[in-house]
Protein backbone atom coordinates (compact mmCIF):
# COMPACT_ATOMS: atom_id res chain seq x y z
CA MET A 1 108.38 44.72 105.04
CA THR A 2 106.60 45.33 101.39
CA ASP A 3 110.43 46.06 100.51
CA GLY A 4 111.69 42.88 101.92
CA PHE A 5 108.70 40.48 100.70
CA LEU A 6 109.39 42.50 97.20
CA TRP A 7 112.87 41.38 97.54
CA MET A 8 112.65 38.08 98.19
CA THR A 9 109.76 37.13 95.40
CA ARG A 10 112.79 38.38 92.77
CA ALA A 11 115.57 36.89 94.31
CA MET A 12 113.03 33.35 94.59
CA SER A 13 111.77 34.01 90.45
CA ALA A 14 116.19 34.35 89.76
CA ALA A 15 116.47 30.95 91.47
CA THR A 16 113.80 29.34 90.08
CA LEU A 17 114.96 30.30 86.89
CA VAL A 18 118.60 29.37 87.18
CA MET A 19 117.92 26.02 88.34
CA ALA A 20 115.16 25.75 85.36
CA VAL A 21 118.03 26.42 83.06
CA ALA A 22 120.51 24.14 84.71
CA SER A 23 118.57 20.81 85.12
CA GLY A 24 116.15 21.34 81.74
CA GLY A 25 118.35 21.67 78.76
CA CYS A 26 116.46 21.50 75.85
CA GLY A 27 115.15 18.22 76.04
CA GLY A 28 114.19 17.95 79.23
CA GLY A 29 114.79 15.08 81.63
CA SER A 30 116.54 11.97 80.90
CA ALA A 31 119.00 11.51 78.30
CA GLU A 32 118.56 7.96 78.72
CA PRO A 33 116.58 6.06 76.10
CA THR A 34 112.73 5.92 76.85
CA SER A 35 111.73 3.50 74.21
CA GLY A 36 112.44 0.41 71.85
CA GLU A 37 115.36 -1.19 72.66
CA PRO A 38 118.09 -0.81 75.26
CA ALA A 39 121.27 1.04 74.29
CA SER A 40 123.59 -1.46 74.90
CA GLY A 41 123.01 -4.98 72.89
CA GLY A 42 120.78 -5.97 70.22
CA GLU A 43 120.98 -5.95 67.06
CA PRO A 44 122.52 -2.61 64.99
CA ALA A 45 119.70 -0.78 63.62
CA LEU A 46 122.06 0.23 60.84
CA VAL A 47 125.44 -1.39 59.53
CA ILE A 48 127.72 0.17 56.59
CA THR A 49 130.73 -1.60 55.87
CA ASP A 50 132.01 0.73 52.78
CA ALA A 51 134.48 2.81 54.31
CA ALA A 52 134.01 5.41 51.79
CA GLU A 53 130.21 5.05 52.41
CA TRP A 54 130.71 5.71 55.52
CA GLN A 55 132.89 8.67 55.57
CA ALA A 56 130.61 10.47 53.28
CA LEU A 57 127.42 10.15 55.46
CA THR A 58 129.64 11.03 58.05
CA ALA A 59 130.18 14.47 56.55
CA SER A 60 126.37 14.72 55.23
CA GLY A 61 125.69 14.10 58.33
CA GLN A 62 127.60 16.54 60.50
CA ALA A 63 126.41 19.32 57.83
CA SER A 64 123.19 18.85 58.77
CA TYR A 65 123.65 18.09 62.39
CA ASP A 66 125.40 21.65 62.79
CA ARG A 67 122.47 23.20 60.19
CA THR A 68 119.96 21.82 62.44
CA CYS A 69 121.43 20.93 65.80
CA GLY A 70 124.20 22.60 66.60
CA THR A 71 123.24 25.71 67.97
CA CYS A 72 121.60 23.98 70.92
CA HIS A 73 123.71 21.06 71.09
CA PRO A 74 127.31 22.66 69.34
CA GLY A 75 129.46 19.41 68.49
CA GLY A 76 127.46 17.37 71.04
CA ASP A 77 128.17 19.29 73.74
CA ALA A 78 125.63 21.32 75.87
CA ASP A 79 125.13 24.86 75.47
CA LEU A 80 121.14 25.76 75.26
CA GLY A 81 120.30 21.55 75.14
CA PRO A 82 122.19 19.16 76.92
CA ALA A 83 125.11 17.46 75.65
CA LEU A 84 124.84 14.54 73.43
CA LYS A 85 127.68 12.93 73.53
CA GLY A 86 128.22 9.73 75.34
CA HIS A 87 124.68 8.76 75.82
CA MET A 88 124.46 6.33 73.40
CA ARG A 89 120.55 6.18 72.89
CA THR A 90 119.42 4.32 70.03
CA SER A 91 118.68 5.48 66.57
CA ALA A 92 114.99 4.90 67.22
CA ASP A 93 114.85 6.80 70.26
CA MET A 94 116.91 9.80 68.64
CA THR A 95 114.52 9.64 65.81
CA LYS A 96 112.02 9.58 68.03
CA GLN A 97 113.47 12.79 69.98
CA ILE A 98 114.18 14.90 66.73
CA ARG A 99 110.69 14.52 65.04
CA GLU A 100 108.53 14.53 68.61
CA GLY A 101 110.82 16.90 70.61
CA SER A 102 110.08 17.03 74.30
CA GLY A 103 110.58 19.87 77.49
CA ARG A 104 111.67 22.90 75.71
CA MET A 105 112.46 20.78 72.77
CA ALA A 106 110.66 21.77 69.31
CA PRO A 107 109.91 18.86 67.38
CA ILE A 108 112.40 19.33 63.74
CA ASP A 109 110.37 18.24 60.77
CA THR A 110 111.12 17.41 57.67
CA THR A 111 111.07 20.52 56.26
CA LYS A 112 113.65 21.44 58.56
CA LEU A 113 115.57 18.05 58.55
CA PRO A 114 114.30 16.13 55.53
CA GLU A 115 114.18 11.94 56.10
CA GLU A 116 116.83 11.84 53.33
CA GLU A 117 119.47 13.22 55.92
CA MET A 118 118.41 11.21 58.64
CA LYS A 119 120.30 8.27 57.69
CA GLY A 120 123.57 10.37 57.84
CA MET A 121 123.14 11.94 60.69
CA MET A 122 122.47 8.78 62.79
CA VAL A 123 126.10 8.35 61.44
CA TYR A 124 126.97 11.22 62.30
CA LEU A 125 125.78 11.12 65.95
CA SER A 126 127.37 7.69 66.45
CA THR A 127 130.36 9.25 65.83
CA ILE A 128 130.69 11.14 68.76
CA SER A 129 128.78 8.36 71.07
CA ALA A 130 125.36 9.55 71.32
CA VAL A 131 123.69 6.81 69.06
CA SER A 132 124.74 3.62 69.62
CA ASP A 133 123.52 1.02 67.34
CA VAL A 134 124.85 2.39 64.07
CA LYS A 135 127.82 0.69 63.03
CA GLY A 136 130.93 1.74 60.42
CA PRO A 137 133.52 -0.02 59.24
């Protein structure tokens, strides 16, 4: 009876771990916006009209993203963290998620992602449909 109980306890622990990893993701919880204006509608938070500036910000933003976020969300896809592509959060919500973290995701402070890199990060995230309120040329 003890061997059966031990086996059942281990099986339940393994199942719990699998469920936690599968459902928790990096940020835990929903990928939907939790504050700020809705992802659909409203005024853009950032508008870039110059194509050269847009390209430069996209390139620098992708470099910042790959260095800071790419391990858990490679190219915006799911891995250790949930997929970001197509979730269309506001830049305010995304910035809050980055700076404050949630669930299993630790906050990313300005020593790892300087404030001056956030504009490029938001532009890049808009190119993978992770941020909704950044508009380019």
